[in-house]
N, C-alpha and C. Protein backbone atom coordinates (compact mmCIF):
# COMPACT_ATOMS: atom_id res chain seq x y z
N MET A 1 28.29 9.17 -3.46
CA MET A 1 27.41 8.03 -3.70
C MET A 1 26.83 8.12 -5.12
N THR A 2 26.96 7.05 -5.88
CA THR A 2 26.40 7.01 -7.22
C THR A 2 24.88 6.93 -7.14
N GLN A 3 24.21 7.82 -7.83
CA GLN A 3 22.75 7.82 -7.79
C GLN A 3 22.19 6.89 -8.84
N ARG A 4 21.05 6.31 -8.53
CA ARG A 4 20.37 5.44 -9.47
C ARG A 4 18.88 5.73 -9.41
N ALA A 5 18.17 5.24 -10.39
CA ALA A 5 16.72 5.45 -10.44
C ALA A 5 16.01 4.43 -9.55
N ALA A 6 14.78 4.76 -9.22
CA ALA A 6 13.94 3.85 -8.43
C ALA A 6 12.52 3.90 -9.00
N ALA A 7 11.75 2.89 -8.64
CA ALA A 7 10.33 2.86 -8.96
C ALA A 7 9.57 2.63 -7.67
N PHE A 8 8.68 3.55 -7.35
CA PHE A 8 7.87 3.49 -6.13
C PHE A 8 6.46 3.05 -6.51
N PHE A 9 5.95 2.05 -5.81
CA PHE A 9 4.63 1.51 -6.13
C PHE A 9 3.71 1.58 -4.92
N ASP A 10 2.56 2.24 -5.09
CA ASP A 10 1.46 2.01 -4.18
C ASP A 10 1.07 0.54 -4.32
N VAL A 11 0.42 -0.02 -3.30
CA VAL A 11 0.12 -1.45 -3.31
C VAL A 11 -1.36 -1.73 -3.56
N ASP A 12 -2.20 -1.32 -2.64
CA ASP A 12 -3.62 -1.66 -2.73
C ASP A 12 -4.26 -1.04 -3.96
N GLU A 13 -4.86 -1.89 -4.80
CA GLU A 13 -5.55 -1.50 -6.02
C GLU A 13 -4.62 -0.86 -7.05
N THR A 14 -3.31 -0.96 -6.82
CA THR A 14 -2.32 -0.60 -7.83
C THR A 14 -1.57 -1.86 -8.23
N LEU A 15 -0.77 -2.40 -7.33
CA LEU A 15 -0.10 -3.67 -7.60
C LEU A 15 -1.03 -4.86 -7.40
N ILE A 16 -1.92 -4.74 -6.42
CA ILE A 16 -2.84 -5.84 -6.15
C ILE A 16 -4.27 -5.37 -6.36
N ARG A 17 -5.18 -6.34 -6.50
CA ARG A 17 -6.56 -6.04 -6.87
C ARG A 17 -7.44 -5.64 -5.69
N VAL A 18 -6.95 -5.80 -4.48
CA VAL A 18 -7.80 -5.64 -3.31
C VAL A 18 -7.21 -4.61 -2.36
N LYS A 19 -8.00 -4.25 -1.35
CA LYS A 19 -7.50 -3.43 -0.24
C LYS A 19 -6.99 -4.39 0.82
N SER A 20 -5.68 -4.53 0.89
CA SER A 20 -5.08 -5.59 1.70
C SER A 20 -5.45 -5.49 3.17
N MET A 21 -5.51 -4.28 3.71
CA MET A 21 -5.80 -4.13 5.14
C MET A 21 -7.13 -4.78 5.50
N PHE A 22 -8.15 -4.53 4.69
CA PHE A 22 -9.48 -5.02 5.03
C PHE A 22 -9.65 -6.49 4.67
N ARG A 23 -9.07 -6.90 3.56
CA ARG A 23 -9.15 -8.32 3.21
C ARG A 23 -8.43 -9.15 4.27
N PHE A 24 -7.27 -8.66 4.70
CA PHE A 24 -6.55 -9.41 5.73
C PHE A 24 -7.31 -9.43 7.04
N PHE A 25 -7.87 -8.31 7.44
CA PHE A 25 -8.57 -8.25 8.72
C PHE A 25 -9.76 -9.20 8.73
N GLU A 26 -10.50 -9.24 7.63
CA GLU A 26 -11.62 -10.19 7.53
C GLU A 26 -11.12 -11.62 7.65
N PHE A 27 -10.01 -11.92 6.98
CA PHE A 27 -9.42 -13.26 7.02
C PHE A 27 -8.94 -13.58 8.44
N TYR A 28 -8.31 -12.61 9.09
CA TYR A 28 -7.77 -12.82 10.44
C TYR A 28 -8.89 -13.10 11.45
N LEU A 29 -9.97 -12.38 11.33
CA LEU A 29 -11.10 -12.62 12.24
C LEU A 29 -11.67 -14.02 12.04
N ARG A 30 -11.72 -14.48 10.79
CA ARG A 30 -12.19 -15.85 10.55
C ARG A 30 -11.26 -16.86 11.19
N LEU A 31 -9.94 -16.62 11.09
CA LEU A 31 -8.98 -17.52 11.72
C LEU A 31 -9.19 -17.58 13.23
N ARG A 32 -9.59 -16.48 13.81
CA ARG A 32 -9.84 -16.43 15.26
C ARG A 32 -11.18 -17.04 15.63
N GLY A 33 -11.97 -17.40 14.63
CA GLY A 33 -13.27 -18.00 14.91
C GLY A 33 -14.38 -17.00 15.14
N GLU A 34 -14.15 -15.74 14.74
CA GLU A 34 -15.19 -14.73 14.92
C GLU A 34 -16.31 -14.93 13.90
N PRO A 35 -17.53 -14.61 14.25
CA PRO A 35 -18.63 -14.67 13.27
C PRO A 35 -18.46 -13.59 12.22
N GLU A 36 -19.06 -13.80 11.05
CA GLU A 36 -18.95 -12.83 9.97
C GLU A 36 -19.49 -11.46 10.38
N SER A 37 -20.43 -11.46 11.30
CA SER A 37 -21.03 -10.19 11.73
C SER A 37 -20.01 -9.28 12.41
N THR A 38 -18.95 -9.86 12.98
CA THR A 38 -17.94 -9.04 13.65
C THR A 38 -17.23 -8.14 12.65
N TYR A 39 -16.80 -8.74 11.54
CA TYR A 39 -16.14 -7.93 10.50
C TYR A 39 -17.12 -6.93 9.92
N ALA A 40 -18.33 -7.36 9.63
CA ALA A 40 -19.32 -6.46 9.04
C ALA A 40 -19.54 -5.24 9.93
N ARG A 41 -19.60 -5.46 11.24
CA ARG A 41 -19.83 -4.35 12.17
C ARG A 41 -18.64 -3.40 12.20
N LEU A 42 -17.42 -3.95 12.32
CA LEU A 42 -16.24 -3.11 12.44
C LEU A 42 -15.93 -2.37 11.14
N TYR A 43 -16.06 -3.08 10.04
CA TYR A 43 -15.83 -2.44 8.74
C TYR A 43 -16.89 -1.37 8.50
N GLY A 44 -18.12 -1.65 8.91
CA GLY A 44 -19.19 -0.68 8.75
C GLY A 44 -18.93 0.60 9.52
N GLU A 45 -18.30 0.47 10.69
CA GLU A 45 -17.96 1.67 11.47
C GLU A 45 -17.01 2.57 10.70
N LEU A 46 -16.01 1.97 10.06
CA LEU A 46 -15.04 2.76 9.31
C LEU A 46 -15.67 3.37 8.06
N ARG A 47 -16.51 2.61 7.38
CA ARG A 47 -17.19 3.15 6.20
C ARG A 47 -18.08 4.33 6.58
N SER A 48 -18.76 4.21 7.69
CA SER A 48 -19.62 5.31 8.13
C SER A 48 -18.80 6.55 8.44
N ALA A 49 -17.65 6.34 9.09
CA ALA A 49 -16.77 7.47 9.41
C ALA A 49 -16.26 8.12 8.13
N ALA A 50 -15.93 7.31 7.14
CA ALA A 50 -15.44 7.86 5.87
C ALA A 50 -16.53 8.68 5.18
N ARG A 51 -17.76 8.17 5.19
CA ARG A 51 -18.86 8.90 4.56
C ARG A 51 -19.13 10.23 5.25
N LEU A 52 -18.83 10.28 6.54
CA LEU A 52 -19.03 11.52 7.30
C LEU A 52 -17.85 12.49 7.15
N GLY A 53 -16.87 12.09 6.36
CA GLY A 53 -15.77 13.00 6.06
C GLY A 53 -14.51 12.81 6.88
N MET A 54 -14.40 11.72 7.64
CA MET A 54 -13.17 11.50 8.39
C MET A 54 -12.00 11.36 7.42
N PRO A 55 -10.89 12.06 7.63
CA PRO A 55 -9.73 11.97 6.73
C PRO A 55 -9.18 10.55 6.65
N ARG A 56 -8.57 10.22 5.51
CA ARG A 56 -8.03 8.88 5.31
C ARG A 56 -6.97 8.54 6.36
N GLU A 57 -6.19 9.54 6.78
CA GLU A 57 -5.18 9.29 7.81
C GLU A 57 -5.84 8.84 9.12
N SER A 58 -6.97 9.45 9.46
CA SER A 58 -7.68 9.08 10.68
C SER A 58 -8.32 7.70 10.55
N ILE A 59 -8.83 7.39 9.36
CA ILE A 59 -9.38 6.06 9.11
C ILE A 59 -8.28 5.02 9.30
N ASN A 60 -7.09 5.33 8.80
CA ASN A 60 -5.96 4.42 8.93
C ASN A 60 -5.63 4.17 10.40
N ARG A 61 -5.60 5.23 11.19
CA ARG A 61 -5.33 5.07 12.63
C ARG A 61 -6.42 4.24 13.29
N ALA A 62 -7.66 4.50 12.93
CA ALA A 62 -8.77 3.77 13.54
C ALA A 62 -8.68 2.27 13.21
N TYR A 63 -8.26 1.96 12.02
CA TYR A 63 -8.11 0.55 11.62
C TYR A 63 -7.16 -0.19 12.55
N TYR A 64 -6.02 0.40 12.85
CA TYR A 64 -5.02 -0.31 13.65
C TYR A 64 -5.43 -0.46 15.11
N ARG A 65 -6.44 0.30 15.53
CA ARG A 65 -6.94 0.10 16.89
C ARG A 65 -7.61 -1.27 17.03
N PHE A 66 -8.04 -1.85 15.91
CA PHE A 66 -8.65 -3.18 15.96
C PHE A 66 -7.66 -4.24 16.45
N TYR A 67 -6.37 -3.95 16.35
CA TYR A 67 -5.36 -4.95 16.71
C TYR A 67 -4.84 -4.78 18.14
N ASP A 68 -5.42 -3.89 18.88
CA ASP A 68 -4.97 -3.65 20.26
C ASP A 68 -4.93 -4.96 21.04
N GLY A 69 -3.75 -5.31 21.57
CA GLY A 69 -3.59 -6.51 22.39
C GLY A 69 -3.30 -7.78 21.60
N GLU A 70 -3.37 -7.73 20.26
CA GLU A 70 -3.09 -8.92 19.47
C GLU A 70 -1.59 -9.21 19.45
N GLU A 71 -1.24 -10.50 19.41
CA GLU A 71 0.16 -10.91 19.37
C GLU A 71 0.74 -10.67 17.99
N VAL A 72 1.86 -9.95 17.95
CA VAL A 72 2.50 -9.63 16.68
C VAL A 72 2.88 -10.90 15.93
N ARG A 73 3.43 -11.87 16.63
CA ARG A 73 3.86 -13.11 15.98
C ARG A 73 2.67 -13.82 15.33
N GLN A 74 1.55 -13.80 15.99
CA GLN A 74 0.36 -14.46 15.46
C GLN A 74 -0.17 -13.73 14.22
N VAL A 75 -0.18 -12.41 14.26
CA VAL A 75 -0.66 -11.62 13.13
C VAL A 75 0.27 -11.79 11.93
N ARG A 76 1.57 -11.78 12.19
CA ARG A 76 2.54 -11.96 11.10
C ARG A 76 2.36 -13.33 10.44
N ALA A 77 2.20 -14.36 11.24
CA ALA A 77 2.00 -15.70 10.69
C ALA A 77 0.70 -15.77 9.89
N ALA A 78 -0.34 -15.11 10.38
CA ALA A 78 -1.61 -15.10 9.66
C ALA A 78 -1.46 -14.40 8.31
N GLY A 79 -0.58 -13.40 8.26
CA GLY A 79 -0.35 -12.70 7.00
C GLY A 79 0.18 -13.61 5.92
N LEU A 80 1.04 -14.54 6.28
CA LEU A 80 1.58 -15.49 5.30
C LEU A 80 0.49 -16.41 4.77
N VAL A 81 -0.38 -16.86 5.67
CA VAL A 81 -1.48 -17.73 5.25
C VAL A 81 -2.45 -16.96 4.38
N TRP A 82 -2.77 -15.72 4.79
CA TRP A 82 -3.65 -14.87 3.99
C TRP A 82 -3.11 -14.67 2.59
N PHE A 83 -1.81 -14.40 2.49
CA PHE A 83 -1.20 -14.15 1.19
C PHE A 83 -1.35 -15.34 0.26
N GLU A 84 -1.07 -16.53 0.76
CA GLU A 84 -1.21 -17.73 -0.07
C GLU A 84 -2.65 -17.92 -0.52
N HIS A 85 -3.58 -17.62 0.38
CA HIS A 85 -5.01 -17.71 0.02
C HIS A 85 -5.35 -16.72 -1.09
N GLU A 86 -4.87 -15.49 -0.98
CA GLU A 86 -5.17 -14.47 -1.98
C GLU A 86 -4.53 -14.81 -3.33
N LEU A 87 -3.36 -15.43 -3.31
CA LEU A 87 -2.72 -15.82 -4.56
C LEU A 87 -3.61 -16.75 -5.36
N GLU A 88 -4.29 -17.63 -4.67
CA GLU A 88 -5.18 -18.57 -5.35
C GLU A 88 -6.35 -17.86 -6.01
N GLU A 89 -6.71 -16.68 -5.48
CA GLU A 89 -7.84 -15.92 -6.01
C GLU A 89 -7.42 -14.99 -7.14
N GLY A 90 -6.11 -14.86 -7.37
CA GLY A 90 -5.62 -13.92 -8.38
C GLY A 90 -5.38 -12.55 -7.79
N LEU A 91 -4.30 -12.40 -7.06
CA LEU A 91 -4.07 -11.20 -6.25
C LEU A 91 -3.56 -10.02 -7.06
N PHE A 92 -2.68 -10.24 -8.00
CA PHE A 92 -1.92 -9.16 -8.60
C PHE A 92 -2.55 -8.61 -9.88
N HIS A 93 -2.36 -7.31 -10.08
CA HIS A 93 -2.60 -6.71 -11.39
C HIS A 93 -1.37 -6.99 -12.24
N GLN A 94 -1.48 -7.90 -13.17
CA GLN A 94 -0.31 -8.34 -13.91
C GLN A 94 0.29 -7.21 -14.76
N ASP A 95 -0.53 -6.29 -15.25
CA ASP A 95 0.00 -5.17 -16.03
C ASP A 95 1.01 -4.37 -15.20
N VAL A 96 0.68 -4.16 -13.94
CA VAL A 96 1.55 -3.36 -13.07
C VAL A 96 2.76 -4.19 -12.64
N VAL A 97 2.55 -5.47 -12.38
CA VAL A 97 3.67 -6.34 -12.03
C VAL A 97 4.69 -6.39 -13.16
N GLU A 98 4.21 -6.39 -14.39
CA GLU A 98 5.14 -6.37 -15.53
C GLU A 98 5.97 -5.09 -15.54
N GLU A 99 5.34 -3.97 -15.19
CA GLU A 99 6.09 -2.71 -15.06
C GLU A 99 7.17 -2.84 -13.99
N LEU A 100 6.80 -3.43 -12.87
CA LEU A 100 7.76 -3.62 -11.78
C LEU A 100 8.96 -4.45 -12.25
N HIS A 101 8.68 -5.54 -12.95
CA HIS A 101 9.78 -6.39 -13.43
C HIS A 101 10.64 -5.65 -14.45
N ARG A 102 10.02 -4.81 -15.25
CA ARG A 102 10.79 -4.02 -16.21
C ARG A 102 11.77 -3.10 -15.49
N HIS A 103 11.32 -2.50 -14.41
CA HIS A 103 12.21 -1.65 -13.62
C HIS A 103 13.35 -2.46 -13.00
N LYS A 104 13.03 -3.63 -12.49
CA LYS A 104 14.07 -4.46 -11.90
C LYS A 104 15.12 -4.84 -12.94
N GLU A 105 14.66 -5.20 -14.12
CA GLU A 105 15.59 -5.58 -15.19
C GLU A 105 16.48 -4.41 -15.61
N ALA A 106 15.96 -3.19 -15.47
CA ALA A 106 16.74 -2.00 -15.81
C ALA A 106 17.71 -1.61 -14.70
N GLY A 107 17.64 -2.32 -13.57
CA GLY A 107 18.53 -2.03 -12.45
C GLY A 107 17.99 -1.00 -11.48
N ASP A 108 16.72 -0.62 -11.62
CA ASP A 108 16.12 0.35 -10.69
C ASP A 108 15.83 -0.33 -9.36
N ARG A 109 15.94 0.46 -8.30
CA ARG A 109 15.44 -0.01 -7.01
C ARG A 109 13.92 -0.03 -7.06
N VAL A 110 13.32 -1.02 -6.41
CA VAL A 110 11.86 -1.14 -6.37
C VAL A 110 11.40 -1.03 -4.92
N LEU A 111 10.56 -0.03 -4.65
CA LEU A 111 10.12 0.27 -3.30
C LEU A 111 8.60 0.34 -3.26
N LEU A 112 8.00 -0.35 -2.31
CA LEU A 112 6.56 -0.33 -2.13
C LEU A 112 6.21 0.69 -1.04
N VAL A 113 5.15 1.44 -1.26
CA VAL A 113 4.73 2.49 -0.33
C VAL A 113 3.23 2.35 -0.12
N SER A 114 2.83 2.04 1.11
CA SER A 114 1.43 1.66 1.33
C SER A 114 0.95 2.02 2.73
N GLY A 115 -0.34 2.30 2.83
CA GLY A 115 -0.96 2.50 4.14
C GLY A 115 -1.17 1.20 4.89
N SER A 116 -0.94 0.07 4.22
CA SER A 116 -1.05 -1.23 4.87
C SER A 116 0.17 -1.48 5.77
N PHE A 117 0.28 -2.68 6.33
CA PHE A 117 1.36 -2.93 7.28
C PHE A 117 2.02 -4.27 6.99
N PHE A 118 3.04 -4.59 7.80
CA PHE A 118 3.96 -5.66 7.46
C PHE A 118 3.30 -7.02 7.27
N ALA A 119 2.21 -7.30 7.98
CA ALA A 119 1.57 -8.60 7.84
C ALA A 119 1.15 -8.84 6.39
N CYS A 120 0.73 -7.79 5.72
CA CYS A 120 0.34 -7.89 4.31
C CYS A 120 1.50 -7.59 3.38
N LEU A 121 2.30 -6.58 3.70
CA LEU A 121 3.31 -6.09 2.77
C LEU A 121 4.52 -7.00 2.65
N ASP A 122 4.95 -7.61 3.75
CA ASP A 122 6.17 -8.42 3.69
C ASP A 122 6.06 -9.57 2.70
N PRO A 123 4.99 -10.37 2.71
CA PRO A 123 4.92 -11.44 1.72
C PRO A 123 4.78 -10.93 0.29
N ILE A 124 4.11 -9.79 0.11
CA ILE A 124 3.99 -9.21 -1.23
C ILE A 124 5.36 -8.76 -1.73
N ALA A 125 6.10 -8.06 -0.87
CA ALA A 125 7.43 -7.59 -1.26
C ALA A 125 8.36 -8.75 -1.56
N ALA A 126 8.29 -9.80 -0.76
CA ALA A 126 9.15 -10.96 -0.99
C ALA A 126 8.83 -11.64 -2.31
N ARG A 127 7.54 -11.76 -2.60
CA ARG A 127 7.12 -12.40 -3.84
C ARG A 127 7.60 -11.64 -5.07
N LEU A 128 7.55 -10.32 -4.99
CA LEU A 128 7.90 -9.47 -6.13
C LEU A 128 9.38 -9.12 -6.19
N GLY A 129 10.12 -9.45 -5.15
CA GLY A 129 11.54 -9.11 -5.12
C GLY A 129 11.79 -7.63 -4.93
N ALA A 130 10.87 -6.94 -4.23
CA ALA A 130 11.05 -5.52 -3.96
C ALA A 130 12.21 -5.31 -3.00
N ASP A 131 12.88 -4.17 -3.13
CA ASP A 131 14.01 -3.87 -2.25
C ASP A 131 13.56 -3.51 -0.85
N ARG A 132 12.38 -2.90 -0.74
CA ARG A 132 11.89 -2.50 0.58
C ARG A 132 10.42 -2.15 0.48
N ALA A 133 9.71 -2.31 1.57
CA ALA A 133 8.31 -1.89 1.65
C ALA A 133 8.16 -0.91 2.81
N PHE A 134 7.62 0.25 2.52
CA PHE A 134 7.30 1.25 3.54
C PHE A 134 5.80 1.22 3.79
N GLY A 135 5.41 0.93 5.02
CA GLY A 135 4.00 0.90 5.36
C GLY A 135 3.71 1.68 6.62
N SER A 136 2.45 1.72 6.99
CA SER A 136 2.09 2.29 8.29
C SER A 136 2.75 1.44 9.37
N ARG A 137 3.14 2.08 10.47
CA ARG A 137 3.91 1.39 11.51
C ARG A 137 3.11 1.31 12.81
N PRO A 138 2.41 0.20 13.01
CA PRO A 138 1.71 0.02 14.29
C PRO A 138 2.71 -0.07 15.43
N LEU A 139 2.37 0.53 16.55
CA LEU A 139 3.26 0.47 17.72
C LEU A 139 3.10 -0.87 18.42
N ILE A 140 4.21 -1.36 18.94
CA ILE A 140 4.28 -2.69 19.55
C ILE A 140 4.92 -2.56 20.92
N ARG A 141 4.36 -3.26 21.90
CA ARG A 141 4.94 -3.30 23.24
C ARG A 141 4.87 -4.73 23.75
N ARG A 142 6.02 -5.27 24.12
CA ARG A 142 6.12 -6.63 24.65
C ARG A 142 5.47 -7.66 23.71
N GLY A 143 5.72 -7.49 22.43
CA GLY A 143 5.24 -8.46 21.47
C GLY A 143 3.77 -8.34 21.10
N GLN A 144 3.11 -7.27 21.57
CA GLN A 144 1.70 -7.07 21.25
C GLN A 144 1.47 -5.70 20.63
N PHE A 145 0.47 -5.61 19.78
CA PHE A 145 0.08 -4.32 19.23
C PHE A 145 -0.57 -3.48 20.32
N THR A 146 -0.27 -2.19 20.30
CA THR A 146 -0.87 -1.29 21.28
C THR A 146 -2.18 -0.68 20.80
N GLY A 147 -2.46 -0.80 19.50
CA GLY A 147 -3.63 -0.16 18.91
C GLY A 147 -3.32 1.20 18.34
N ASP A 148 -2.09 1.69 18.57
CA ASP A 148 -1.68 2.98 18.02
C ASP A 148 -0.77 2.76 16.81
N VAL A 149 -0.61 3.80 16.02
CA VAL A 149 0.25 3.73 14.84
C VAL A 149 1.15 4.96 14.84
N LEU A 150 2.42 4.74 14.50
CA LEU A 150 3.37 5.84 14.54
C LEU A 150 3.03 6.88 13.48
N THR A 151 3.03 6.46 12.22
CA THR A 151 2.70 7.37 11.12
C THR A 151 1.89 6.64 10.08
N PRO A 152 0.64 7.02 9.85
CA PRO A 152 -0.10 6.41 8.74
C PRO A 152 0.57 6.74 7.42
N MET A 153 0.86 5.74 6.61
CA MET A 153 1.51 5.97 5.33
C MET A 153 0.46 6.32 4.29
N ILE A 154 -0.09 7.52 4.46
CA ILE A 154 -1.19 8.01 3.64
C ILE A 154 -0.87 9.42 3.19
N GLY A 155 -1.24 9.77 1.98
CA GLY A 155 -1.14 11.14 1.53
C GLY A 155 0.26 11.71 1.58
N ALA A 156 0.43 12.80 2.33
CA ALA A 156 1.71 13.50 2.38
C ALA A 156 2.84 12.61 2.88
N ALA A 157 2.52 11.64 3.73
CA ALA A 157 3.56 10.75 4.26
C ALA A 157 4.20 9.94 3.13
N LYS A 158 3.44 9.60 2.11
CA LYS A 158 4.00 8.86 0.98
C LYS A 158 5.02 9.71 0.23
N GLY A 159 4.67 10.96 0.00
CA GLY A 159 5.62 11.85 -0.65
C GLY A 159 6.87 12.04 0.19
N ALA A 160 6.70 12.14 1.49
CA ALA A 160 7.85 12.34 2.38
C ALA A 160 8.81 11.15 2.34
N VAL A 161 8.26 9.94 2.30
CA VAL A 161 9.14 8.77 2.29
C VAL A 161 9.85 8.64 0.95
N VAL A 162 9.22 9.07 -0.13
CA VAL A 162 9.90 9.06 -1.43
C VAL A 162 11.06 10.05 -1.41
N ARG A 163 10.82 11.25 -0.94
CA ARG A 163 11.89 12.25 -0.90
C ARG A 163 13.01 11.84 0.05
N ALA A 164 12.65 11.23 1.19
CA ALA A 164 13.67 10.76 2.13
C ALA A 164 14.50 9.64 1.50
N SER A 165 13.86 8.77 0.75
CA SER A 165 14.58 7.70 0.07
C SER A 165 15.59 8.26 -0.92
N GLY A 166 15.18 9.32 -1.61
CA GLY A 166 16.11 9.96 -2.53
C GLY A 166 17.34 10.47 -1.82
N ALA A 167 17.14 11.10 -0.67
CA ALA A 167 18.27 11.68 0.06
C ALA A 167 19.14 10.62 0.73
N VAL A 168 18.52 9.61 1.32
CA VAL A 168 19.25 8.62 2.12
C VAL A 168 19.86 7.52 1.26
N ALA A 169 19.13 7.08 0.25
CA ALA A 169 19.58 5.93 -0.55
C ALA A 169 20.25 6.33 -1.86
N GLY A 170 20.46 7.61 -2.06
CA GLY A 170 21.14 8.04 -3.27
C GLY A 170 20.33 7.80 -4.53
N ILE A 171 19.03 8.05 -4.46
CA ILE A 171 18.14 7.86 -5.60
C ILE A 171 17.93 9.19 -6.31
N ASP A 172 18.05 9.18 -7.61
CA ASP A 172 17.79 10.37 -8.40
C ASP A 172 16.29 10.39 -8.72
N LEU A 173 15.57 11.21 -8.00
CA LEU A 173 14.11 11.24 -8.16
C LEU A 173 13.68 11.83 -9.49
N THR A 174 14.53 12.61 -10.12
CA THR A 174 14.13 13.22 -11.39
C THR A 174 13.98 12.19 -12.50
N VAL A 175 14.65 11.05 -12.38
CA VAL A 175 14.53 9.99 -13.38
C VAL A 175 13.83 8.76 -12.80
N SER A 176 13.24 8.91 -11.63
CA SER A 176 12.53 7.81 -10.98
C SER A 176 11.05 7.84 -11.32
N SER A 177 10.40 6.71 -11.11
CA SER A 177 8.98 6.55 -11.42
C SER A 177 8.19 6.28 -10.15
N ALA A 178 6.90 6.60 -10.20
CA ALA A 178 5.99 6.24 -9.12
C ALA A 178 4.66 5.86 -9.73
N TYR A 179 4.02 4.87 -9.14
CA TYR A 179 2.75 4.34 -9.64
C TYR A 179 1.71 4.42 -8.53
N GLY A 180 0.58 5.05 -8.80
CA GLY A 180 -0.50 5.14 -7.83
C GLY A 180 -1.85 5.17 -8.51
N ASP A 181 -2.89 4.74 -7.80
CA ASP A 181 -4.21 4.60 -8.41
C ASP A 181 -5.23 5.60 -7.89
N HIS A 182 -4.85 6.42 -6.89
CA HIS A 182 -5.85 7.26 -6.22
C HIS A 182 -5.28 8.64 -5.99
N ILE A 183 -6.15 9.63 -5.91
CA ILE A 183 -5.68 10.99 -5.71
C ILE A 183 -4.89 11.15 -4.42
N SER A 184 -5.11 10.26 -3.45
CA SER A 184 -4.33 10.31 -2.21
C SER A 184 -2.86 9.95 -2.44
N ASP A 185 -2.54 9.40 -3.63
CA ASP A 185 -1.15 9.10 -3.98
C ASP A 185 -0.45 10.29 -4.62
N LEU A 186 -1.12 11.43 -4.68
CA LEU A 186 -0.62 12.56 -5.44
C LEU A 186 0.75 13.04 -4.96
N ASP A 187 0.96 13.13 -3.65
CA ASP A 187 2.24 13.60 -3.14
C ASP A 187 3.38 12.68 -3.56
N MET A 188 3.13 11.40 -3.56
CA MET A 188 4.14 10.44 -4.00
C MET A 188 4.43 10.62 -5.48
N LEU A 189 3.39 10.78 -6.28
CA LEU A 189 3.56 10.92 -7.72
C LEU A 189 4.29 12.22 -8.08
N ARG A 190 3.99 13.27 -7.36
CA ARG A 190 4.64 14.56 -7.62
C ARG A 190 6.11 14.56 -7.25
N ALA A 191 6.52 13.63 -6.40
CA ALA A 191 7.89 13.63 -5.89
C ALA A 191 8.90 13.07 -6.89
N VAL A 192 8.41 12.49 -7.98
CA VAL A 192 9.32 11.89 -8.97
C VAL A 192 9.16 12.56 -10.33
N GLY A 193 10.11 12.28 -11.20
CA GLY A 193 10.07 12.86 -12.53
C GLY A 193 9.19 12.11 -13.50
N ARG A 194 8.83 10.86 -13.16
CA ARG A 194 8.07 10.02 -14.09
C ARG A 194 6.87 9.38 -13.38
N PRO A 195 5.87 10.18 -13.07
CA PRO A 195 4.67 9.63 -12.39
C PRO A 195 3.78 8.87 -13.37
N VAL A 196 3.12 7.84 -12.85
CA VAL A 196 2.21 7.03 -13.65
C VAL A 196 0.90 6.89 -12.89
N ALA A 197 -0.20 7.34 -13.50
CA ALA A 197 -1.53 7.20 -12.91
C ALA A 197 -2.11 5.87 -13.35
N VAL A 198 -2.40 5.01 -12.39
CA VAL A 198 -2.87 3.65 -12.67
C VAL A 198 -4.39 3.59 -12.51
N GLY A 199 -5.06 2.93 -13.44
CA GLY A 199 -6.49 2.71 -13.29
C GLY A 199 -7.33 3.91 -13.68
N GLU A 200 -8.53 3.98 -13.12
CA GLU A 200 -9.54 4.91 -13.63
C GLU A 200 -10.07 5.89 -12.59
N ASP A 201 -9.33 6.17 -11.55
CA ASP A 201 -9.79 7.18 -10.60
C ASP A 201 -9.96 8.51 -11.34
N ALA A 202 -11.18 9.04 -11.35
CA ALA A 202 -11.50 10.19 -12.19
C ALA A 202 -10.68 11.43 -11.83
N VAL A 203 -10.51 11.68 -10.53
CA VAL A 203 -9.79 12.88 -10.11
C VAL A 203 -8.32 12.77 -10.47
N LEU A 204 -7.74 11.61 -10.22
CA LEU A 204 -6.34 11.41 -10.56
C LEU A 204 -6.14 11.43 -12.07
N ALA A 205 -7.05 10.82 -12.81
CA ALA A 205 -6.95 10.81 -14.27
C ALA A 205 -6.98 12.23 -14.83
N ASP A 206 -7.84 13.06 -14.28
CA ASP A 206 -7.92 14.45 -14.72
C ASP A 206 -6.61 15.18 -14.44
N HIS A 207 -6.07 14.96 -13.26
CA HIS A 207 -4.80 15.60 -12.91
C HIS A 207 -3.69 15.13 -13.85
N ALA A 208 -3.66 13.83 -14.13
CA ALA A 208 -2.64 13.28 -15.02
C ALA A 208 -2.76 13.88 -16.42
N ALA A 209 -3.98 14.03 -16.91
CA ALA A 209 -4.18 14.59 -18.24
C ALA A 209 -3.71 16.04 -18.31
N ARG A 210 -4.00 16.80 -17.26
CA ARG A 210 -3.62 18.23 -17.26
C ARG A 210 -2.12 18.42 -17.17
N HIS A 211 -1.41 17.44 -16.57
CA HIS A 211 0.02 17.59 -16.38
C HIS A 211 0.85 16.70 -17.30
N GLY A 212 0.19 16.01 -18.22
CA GLY A 212 0.92 15.20 -19.18
C GLY A 212 1.56 13.97 -18.61
N TRP A 213 0.97 13.45 -17.54
CA TRP A 213 1.52 12.23 -16.94
C TRP A 213 1.10 11.01 -17.73
N ARG A 214 1.92 10.01 -17.66
CA ARG A 214 1.57 8.73 -18.28
C ARG A 214 0.44 8.09 -17.50
N ARG A 215 -0.45 7.38 -18.23
CA ARG A 215 -1.52 6.63 -17.60
C ARG A 215 -1.38 5.15 -17.95
N LEU A 216 -1.74 4.29 -17.02
CA LEU A 216 -1.68 2.85 -17.22
C LEU A 216 -3.04 2.26 -16.90
N ALA A 217 -3.73 1.80 -17.93
CA ALA A 217 -5.03 1.15 -17.71
C ALA A 217 -4.81 -0.23 -17.13
N LEU A 218 -5.83 -0.75 -16.44
CA LEU A 218 -5.75 -2.08 -15.85
C LEU A 218 -6.67 -3.01 -16.60
N ALA A 219 -6.15 -4.14 -17.02
CA ALA A 219 -6.94 -5.12 -17.75
C ALA A 219 -8.11 -5.59 -16.90
N GLY A 220 -9.30 -5.57 -17.48
CA GLY A 220 -10.48 -6.06 -16.77
C GLY A 220 -11.07 -5.09 -15.79
N VAL A 221 -10.53 -3.85 -15.71
CA VAL A 221 -11.07 -2.84 -14.81
C VAL A 221 -11.69 -1.74 -15.63
N HIS A 222 -12.92 -1.40 -15.32
CA HIS A 222 -13.65 -0.38 -16.10
C HIS A 222 -14.17 0.69 -15.16
């Protein structure tokens, strides 16, 4: 199999300006007619857990419990409406999107890797012409979410999917790139030969400086 390069992109606050999981959930609750206090309460529970030191992987699992019993078809359809709404607000970091297009023009495979899920990722991937999006995988039974998730696409899982892509899809990781904005993207960034630290996360920026990684500032972000 002929090997080729790829570019792996984190999504939330790397390719896009927002945290898609939470923006979508707030939007979905509004579509269901829930009062604003419902989102504030549920989001507050997760923020409190994070402040108490709950790992990001556990926060990710807790998030998907909010969808227990929801119809997959309904959530997927809501994702398309949410995406169009976010586009009107200015969803993408254009600096990073330009990088993505540069990779596409060079013939690189473009793969999105995110803790978010298909309701958010599928329309983003389609819009950008990405080859594939790897996200957290909520479990589904009889067309409904169970509230469980197979594997949160957080931290080490991101690195694992990059390495698996190299083995399965014939990607040469030594000449491939990865873009991430947070220290939790470190495993993904380390898995390639050309890591790019996006934005101003202090811990990630320090790591990038010590290892000579390229940095990409975001216009309008300080």
